[in-house]
PDB file of all heavy atoms in Angstrom:
ATOM      1  N   ASP A   1       0.810  -1.214  -0.024  1.00  0.00           N
ATOM      2  CA  ASP A   1      -0.041  -0.003  -0.005  1.00  0.00           C
ATOM      3  C   ASP A   1       0.826   1.312   0.004  1.00  0.00           C
ATOM      4  O   ASP A   1       0.595   2.144  -0.720  1.00  0.00           O
ATOM      5  CB  ASP A   1      -0.889   0.028   1.289  1.00  0.00           C
ATOM      6  CG  ASP A   1      -1.874   1.172   1.253  1.00  0.00           C
ATOM      7  OD1 ASP A   1      -2.712   1.285   0.342  1.00  0.00           O
ATOM      8  OD2 ASP A   1      -1.748   1.942   2.282  1.00  0.00           O
ATOM      9  N   TRP A   2       1.939   1.231   0.799  1.00  0.00           N
ATOM     10  CA  TRP A   2       2.894   2.346   0.808  1.00  0.00           C
ATOM     11  C   TRP A   2       3.546   2.557  -0.446  1.00  0.00           C
ATOM     12  O   TRP A   2       3.646   3.677  -1.015  1.00  0.00           O
ATOM     13  CB  TRP A   2       3.901   2.120   1.996  1.00  0.00           C
ATOM     14  CG  TRP A   2       4.855   3.236   2.286  1.00  0.00           C
ATOM     15  CD1 TRP A   2       4.750   4.496   1.915  1.00  0.00           C
ATOM     16  CD2 TRP A   2       5.844   3.127   3.241  1.00  0.00           C
ATOM     17  NE1 TRP A   2       5.719   5.244   2.424  1.00  0.00           N
ATOM     18  CE2 TRP A   2       6.479   4.483   3.318  1.00  0.00           C
ATOM     19  CE3 TRP A   2       6.425   2.107   4.014  1.00  0.00           C
ATOM     20  CZ2 TRP A   2       7.566   4.724   4.062  1.00  0.00           C
ATOM     21  CZ3 TRP A   2       7.585   2.437   4.817  1.00  0.00           C
ATOM     22  CH2 TRP A   2       8.148   3.803   4.870  1.00  0.00           C
ATOM     23  N   ALA A   3       3.957   1.485  -1.137  1.00  0.00           N
ATOM     24  CA  ALA A   3       4.619   1.461  -2.448  1.00  0.00           C
ATOM     25  C   ALA A   3       3.707   2.058  -3.478  1.00  0.00           C
ATOM     26  O   ALA A   3       4.071   2.919  -4.359  1.00  0.00           O
ATOM     27  CB  ALA A   3       5.071   0.166  -2.792  1.00  0.00           C
ATOM     28  N   GLU A   4       2.385   1.676  -3.377  1.00  0.00           N
ATOM     29  CA  GLU A   4       1.404   2.127  -4.386  1.00  0.00           C
ATOM     30  C   GLU A   4       1.221   3.652  -4.328  1.00  0.00           C
ATOM     31  O   GLU A   4       1.061   4.368  -5.284  1.00  0.00           O
ATOM     32  CB  GLU A   4       0.133   1.414  -4.266  1.00  0.00           C
ATOM     33  CG  GLU A   4      -0.948   1.831  -5.276  1.00  0.00           C
ATOM     34  CD  GLU A   4      -2.242   1.003  -5.009  1.00  0.00           C
ATOM     35  OE1 GLU A   4      -2.149  -0.102  -4.422  1.00  0.00           O
ATOM     36  OE2 GLU A   4      -3.318   1.588  -5.373  1.00  0.00           O
ATOM     37  N   LYS A   5       1.206   4.169  -3.062  1.00  0.00           N
ATOM     38  CA  LYS A   5       0.881   5.555  -2.854  1.00  0.00           C
ATOM     39  C   LYS A   5       1.975   6.411  -3.028  1.00  0.00           C
ATOM     40  O   LYS A   5       1.893   7.596  -3.561  1.00  0.00           O
ATOM     41  CB  LYS A   5       0.362   5.783  -1.310  1.00  0.00           C
ATOM     42  CG  LYS A   5      -1.022   5.163  -1.125  1.00  0.00           C
ATOM     43  CD  LYS A   5      -1.484   5.350   0.231  1.00  0.00           C
ATOM     44  CE  LYS A   5      -2.875   4.844   0.591  1.00  0.00           C
ATOM     45  NZ  LYS A   5      -3.281   4.930   2.010  1.00  0.00           N
ATOM     46  N   GLU A   6       3.253   5.983  -2.602  1.00  0.00           N
ATOM     47  CA  GLU A   6       4.419   6.907  -2.663  1.00  0.00           C
ATOM     48  C   GLU A   6       5.612   6.431  -3.338  1.00  0.00           C
ATOM     49  O   GLU A   6       6.603   7.180  -3.484  1.00  0.00           O
ATOM     50  CB  GLU A   6       4.741   7.332  -1.169  1.00  0.00           C
ATOM     51  CG  GLU A   6       3.703   8.004  -0.386  1.00  0.00           C
ATOM     52  CD  GLU A   6       4.249   8.584   0.879  1.00  0.00           C
ATOM     53  OE1 GLU A   6       5.378   8.571   1.067  1.00  0.00           O
ATOM     54  OE2 GLU A   6       3.307   9.074   1.633  1.00  0.00           O
ATOM     55  N   GLY A   7       5.602   5.191  -3.754  1.00  0.00           N
ATOM     56  CA  GLY A   7       6.821   4.602  -4.304  1.00  0.00           C
ATOM     57  C   GLY A   7       7.309   5.177  -5.646  1.00  0.00           C
ATOM     58  O   GLY A   7       6.365   5.524  -6.553  1.00  0.00           O
ATOM     59  N   GLU A   8       8.563   5.215  -5.903  1.00  0.00           N
ATOM     60  CA  GLU A   8       9.088   5.571  -7.212  1.00  0.00           C
ATOM     61  C   GLU A   8       9.375   4.342  -7.920  1.00  0.00           C
ATOM     62  O   GLU A   8      10.323   3.555  -7.503  1.00  0.00           O
ATOM     63  CB  GLU A   8      10.346   6.494  -7.064  1.00  0.00           C
ATOM     64  CG  GLU A   8      11.050   6.865  -8.277  1.00  0.00           C
ATOM     65  CD  GLU A   8      12.370   7.577  -7.973  1.00  0.00           C
ATOM     66  OE1 GLU A   8      12.436   8.350  -7.023  1.00  0.00           O
ATOM     67  OE2 GLU A   8      13.229   7.385  -8.841  1.00  0.00           O
ATOM     68  N   ARG A   9       8.665   3.925  -8.935  1.00  0.00           N
ATOM     69  CA  ARG A   9       8.767   2.577  -9.539  1.00  0.00           C
ATOM     70  C   ARG A   9       9.431   2.591 -10.852  1.00  0.00           C
ATOM     71  O   ARG A   9       9.367   3.552 -11.709  1.00  0.00           O
ATOM     72  CB  ARG A   9       7.214   2.122  -9.802  1.00  0.00           C
ATOM     73  CG  ARG A   9       7.305   0.703 -10.330  1.00  0.00           C
ATOM     74  CD  ARG A   9       5.873   0.115 -10.134  1.00  0.00           C
ATOM     75  NE  ARG A   9       5.846  -1.277 -10.685  1.00  0.00           N
ATOM     76  CZ  ARG A   9       4.866  -2.175 -10.457  1.00  0.00           C
ATOM     77  NH1 ARG A   9       3.870  -1.823  -9.633  1.00  0.00           N
ATOM     78  NH2 ARG A   9       4.943  -3.367 -10.953  1.00  0.00           N
ATOM     79  N   THR A  10      10.407   1.646 -11.034  1.00  0.00           N
ATOM     80  CA  THR A  10      11.124   1.383 -12.230  1.00  0.00           C
ATOM     81  C   THR A  10      10.944  -0.025 -12.545  1.00  0.00           C
ATOM     82  O   THR A  10      11.597  -0.968 -11.884  1.00  0.00           O
ATOM     83  CB  THR A  10      12.662   1.791 -12.049  1.00  0.00           C
ATOM     84  OG1 THR A  10      12.779   3.114 -11.683  1.00  0.00           O
ATOM     85  CG2 THR A  10      13.366   1.558 -13.372  1.00  0.00           C
ATOM     86  N   GLY A  11      10.067  -0.318 -13.514  1.00  0.00           N
ATOM     87  CA  GLY A  11       9.734  -1.804 -13.714  1.00  0.00           C
ATOM     88  C   GLY A  11       9.017  -2.284 -12.607  1.00  0.00           C
ATOM     89  O   GLY A  11       8.025  -1.742 -12.105  1.00  0.00           O
ATOM     90  N   ASN A  12       9.545  -3.470 -12.018  1.00  0.00           N
ATOM     91  CA  ASN A  12       8.910  -3.895 -10.787  1.00  0.00           C
ATOM     92  C   ASN A  12       9.619  -3.535  -9.509  1.00  0.00           C
ATOM     93  O   ASN A  12       9.340  -3.863  -8.382  1.00  0.00           O
ATOM     94  CB  ASN A  12       8.870  -5.542 -10.792  1.00  0.00           C
ATOM     95  CG  ASN A  12       7.851  -6.023 -11.822  1.00  0.00           C
ATOM     96  OD1 ASN A  12       6.807  -5.355 -12.042  1.00  0.00           O
ATOM     97  ND2 ASN A  12       8.157  -7.173 -12.433  1.00  0.00           N
ATOM     98  N   THR A  13      10.667  -2.786  -9.683  1.00  0.00           N
ATOM     99  CA  THR A  13      11.491  -2.216  -8.407  1.00  0.00           C
ATOM    100  C   THR A  13      10.870  -0.976  -7.939  1.00  0.00           C
ATOM    101  O   THR A  13      10.494  -0.090  -8.797  1.00  0.00           O
ATOM    102  CB  THR A  13      12.894  -1.985  -8.845  1.00  0.00           C
ATOM    103  OG1 THR A  13      13.467  -3.120  -9.299  1.00  0.00           O
ATOM    104  CG2 THR A  13      13.717  -1.411  -7.612  1.00  0.00           C
ATOM    105  N   VAL A  14      10.646  -0.835  -6.652  1.00  0.00           N
ATOM    106  CA  VAL A  14      10.059   0.308  -6.039  1.00  0.00           C
ATOM    107  C   VAL A  14      10.911   0.830  -4.995  1.00  0.00           C
ATOM    108  O   VAL A  14      11.424   0.121  -4.128  1.00  0.00           O
ATOM    109  CB  VAL A  14       8.662   0.000  -5.510  1.00  0.00           C
ATOM    110  CG1 VAL A  14       8.051   1.207  -4.799  1.00  0.00           C
ATOM    111  CG2 VAL A  14       7.745  -0.580  -6.564  1.00  0.00           C
ATOM    112  N   ARG A  15      11.159   2.195  -5.035  1.00  0.00           N
ATOM    113  CA  ARG A  15      11.948   2.821  -4.061  1.00  0.00           C
ATOM    114  C   ARG A  15      11.163   3.712  -3.182  1.00  0.00           C
ATOM    115  O   ARG A  15      10.349   4.602  -3.714  1.00  0.00           O
ATOM    116  CB  ARG A  15      13.110   3.597  -4.814  1.00  0.00           C
ATOM    117  CG  ARG A  15      14.203   4.198  -3.865  1.00  0.00           C
ATOM    118  CD  ARG A  15      15.141   4.999  -4.671  1.00  0.00           C
ATOM    119  NE  ARG A  15      15.860   4.140  -5.614  1.00  0.00           N
ATOM    120  CZ  ARG A  15      16.887   3.379  -5.442  1.00  0.00           C
ATOM    121  NH1 ARG A  15      17.407   3.364  -4.157  1.00  0.00           N
ATOM    122  NH2 ARG A  15      17.358   2.662  -6.387  1.00  0.00           N
ATOM    123  N   LEU A  16      11.239   3.714  -1.897  1.00  0.00           N
ATOM    124  CA  LEU A  16      10.480   4.414  -0.894  1.00  0.00           C
ATOM    125  C   LEU A  16      11.349   5.334  -0.091  1.00  0.00           C
ATOM    126  O   LEU A  16      12.413   4.762   0.431  1.00  0.00           O
ATOM    127  CB  LEU A  16       9.689   3.597  -0.044  1.00  0.00           C
ATOM    128  CG  LEU A  16       8.365   2.918  -0.667  1.00  0.00           C
ATOM    129  CD1 LEU A  16       7.978   1.715   0.169  1.00  0.00           C
ATOM    130  CD2 LEU A  16       7.267   3.895  -0.781  1.00  0.00           C
ATOM    131  N   GLU A  17      11.106   6.582   0.026  1.00  0.00           N
ATOM    132  CA  GLU A  17      11.785   7.411   1.074  1.00  0.00           C
ATOM    133  C   GLU A  17      11.297   6.880   2.414  1.00  0.00           C
ATOM    134  O   GLU A  17      10.032   6.853   2.733  1.00  0.00           O
ATOM    135  CB  GLU A  17      11.421   8.914   0.922  1.00  0.00           C
ATOM    136  CG  GLU A  17      12.072   9.724   1.989  1.00  0.00           C
ATOM    137  CD  GLU A  17      11.455  11.222   1.989  1.00  0.00           C
ATOM    138  OE1 GLU A  17      10.809  11.544   0.983  1.00  0.00           O
ATOM    139  OE2 GLU A  17      11.857  11.904   2.847  1.00  0.00           O
ATOM    140  N   ASN A  18      12.218   6.456   3.279  1.00  0.00           N
ATOM    141  CA  ASN A  18      11.825   5.834   4.554  1.00  0.00           C
ATOM    142  C   ASN A  18      11.729   6.994   5.685  1.00  0.00           C
ATOM    143  O   ASN A  18      12.798   7.334   6.141  1.00  0.00           O
ATOM    144  CB  ASN A  18      12.791   4.746   4.958  1.00  0.00           C
ATOM    145  CG  ASN A  18      12.352   4.030   6.148  1.00  0.00           C
ATOM    146  OD1 ASN A  18      11.120   4.162   6.609  1.00  0.00           O
ATOM    147  ND2 ASN A  18      13.212   3.324   6.831  1.00  0.00           N
ATOM    148  N   TYR A  19      10.544   7.372   6.063  1.00  0.00           N
ATOM    149  CA  TYR A  19      10.390   8.337   7.131  1.00  0.00           C
ATOM    150  C   TYR A  19       9.833   7.603   8.414  1.00  0.00           C
ATOM    151  O   TYR A  19       9.598   8.282   9.357  1.00  0.00           O
ATOM    152  CB  TYR A  19       9.583   9.489   6.745  1.00  0.00           C
ATOM    153  CG  TYR A  19       8.259   9.122   6.148  1.00  0.00           C
ATOM    154  CD1 TYR A  19       7.081   8.628   6.801  1.00  0.00           C
ATOM    155  CD2 TYR A  19       8.116   9.125   4.711  1.00  0.00           C
ATOM    156  CE1 TYR A  19       5.929   8.307   6.247  1.00  0.00           C
ATOM    157  CE2 TYR A  19       6.894   8.768   4.034  1.00  0.00           C
ATOM    158  CZ  TYR A  19       5.867   8.371   4.901  1.00  0.00           C
ATOM    159  OH  TYR A  19       4.676   7.993   4.269  1.00  0.00           O
ATOM    160  N   LEU A  20       9.770   6.321   8.434  1.00  0.00           N
ATOM    161  CA  LEU A  20       9.197   5.565   9.512  1.00  0.00           C
ATOM    162  C   LEU A  20      10.300   4.730  10.243  1.00  0.00           C
ATOM    163  O   LEU A  20      11.121   4.092   9.593  1.00  0.00           O
ATOM    164  CB  LEU A  20       8.126   4.628   9.066  1.00  0.00           C
ATOM    165  CG  LEU A  20       6.892   5.271   8.467  1.00  0.00           C
ATOM    166  CD1 LEU A  20       5.968   4.112   7.902  1.00  0.00           C
ATOM    167  CD2 LEU A  20       6.127   6.184   9.404  1.00  0.00           C
ATOM    168  N   THR A  21      10.255   4.682  11.543  1.00  0.00           N
ATOM    169  CA  THR A  21      11.121   3.832  12.249  1.00  0.00           C
ATOM    170  C   THR A  21      10.618   2.429  12.317  1.00  0.00           C
ATOM    171  O   THR A  21       9.447   2.170  11.914  1.00  0.00           O
ATOM    172  CB  THR A  21      11.347   4.280  13.726  1.00  0.00           C
ATOM    173  OG1 THR A  21      10.104   4.200  14.384  1.00  0.00           O
ATOM    174  CG2 THR A  21      11.780   5.808  13.762  1.00  0.00           C
ATOM    175  N   GLN A  22      11.355   1.478  12.697  1.00  0.00           N
ATOM    176  CA  GLN A  22      10.874   0.088  12.848  1.00  0.00           C
ATOM    177  C   GLN A  22       9.709   0.084  13.894  1.00  0.00           C
ATOM    178  O   GLN A  22       8.840  -0.708  13.730  1.00  0.00           O
ATOM    179  CB  GLN A  22      11.961  -0.895  13.084  1.00  0.00           C
ATOM    180  CG  GLN A  22      12.906  -1.032  12.038  1.00  0.00           C
ATOM    181  CD  GLN A  22      13.965  -2.113  12.265  1.00  0.00           C
ATOM    182  OE1 GLN A  22      14.066  -2.722  13.331  1.00  0.00           O
ATOM    183  NE2 GLN A  22      14.786  -2.367  11.196  1.00  0.00           N
ATOM    184  N   THR A  23       9.873   0.900  14.898  1.00  0.00           N
ATOM    185  CA  THR A  23       8.830   0.912  15.908  1.00  0.00           C
ATOM    186  C   THR A  23       7.520   1.458  15.317  1.00  0.00           C
ATOM    187  O   THR A  23       6.441   0.997  15.568  1.00  0.00           O
ATOM    188  CB  THR A  23       9.122   1.837  17.076  1.00  0.00           C
ATOM    189  OG1 THR A  23      10.337   1.300  17.723  1.00  0.00           O
ATOM    190  CG2 THR A  23       8.045   1.930  18.125  1.00  0.00           C
ATOM    191  N   ASP A  24       7.624   2.464  14.461  1.00  0.00           N
ATOM    192  CA  ASP A  24       6.424   3.003  13.781  1.00  0.00           C
ATOM    193  C   ASP A  24       5.809   1.968  12.859  1.00  0.00           C
ATOM    194  O   ASP A  24       4.550   1.762  12.935  1.00  0.00           O
ATOM    195  CB  ASP A  24       6.830   4.206  12.805  1.00  0.00           C
ATOM    196  CG  ASP A  24       7.243   5.410  13.583  1.00  0.00           C
ATOM    197  OD1 ASP A  24       6.884   5.622  14.716  1.00  0.00           O
ATOM    198  OD2 ASP A  24       8.027   6.229  12.929  1.00  0.00           O
ATOM    199  N   ILE A  25       6.527   1.230  12.171  1.00  0.00           N
ATOM    200  CA  ILE A  25       6.036   0.105  11.229  1.00  0.00           C
ATOM    201  C   ILE A  25       5.334  -0.913  12.122  1.00  0.00           C
ATOM    202  O   ILE A  25       4.266  -1.383  11.786  1.00  0.00           O
ATOM    203  CB  ILE A  25       7.144  -0.436  10.431  1.00  0.00           C
ATOM    204  CG1 ILE A  25       7.620   0.580   9.393  1.00  0.00           C
ATOM    205  CG2 ILE A  25       6.627  -1.710   9.689  1.00  0.00           C
ATOM    206  CD1 ILE A  25       8.837   0.144   8.604  1.00  0.00           C
TER     207      ILE A  25
END
């Protein structure tokens, strides 16, 4: 869901700016 909303996609590869800590996730 995060990748769909904010991901930068190249082919099937998706890059996300990570602003969440592991505790947040």
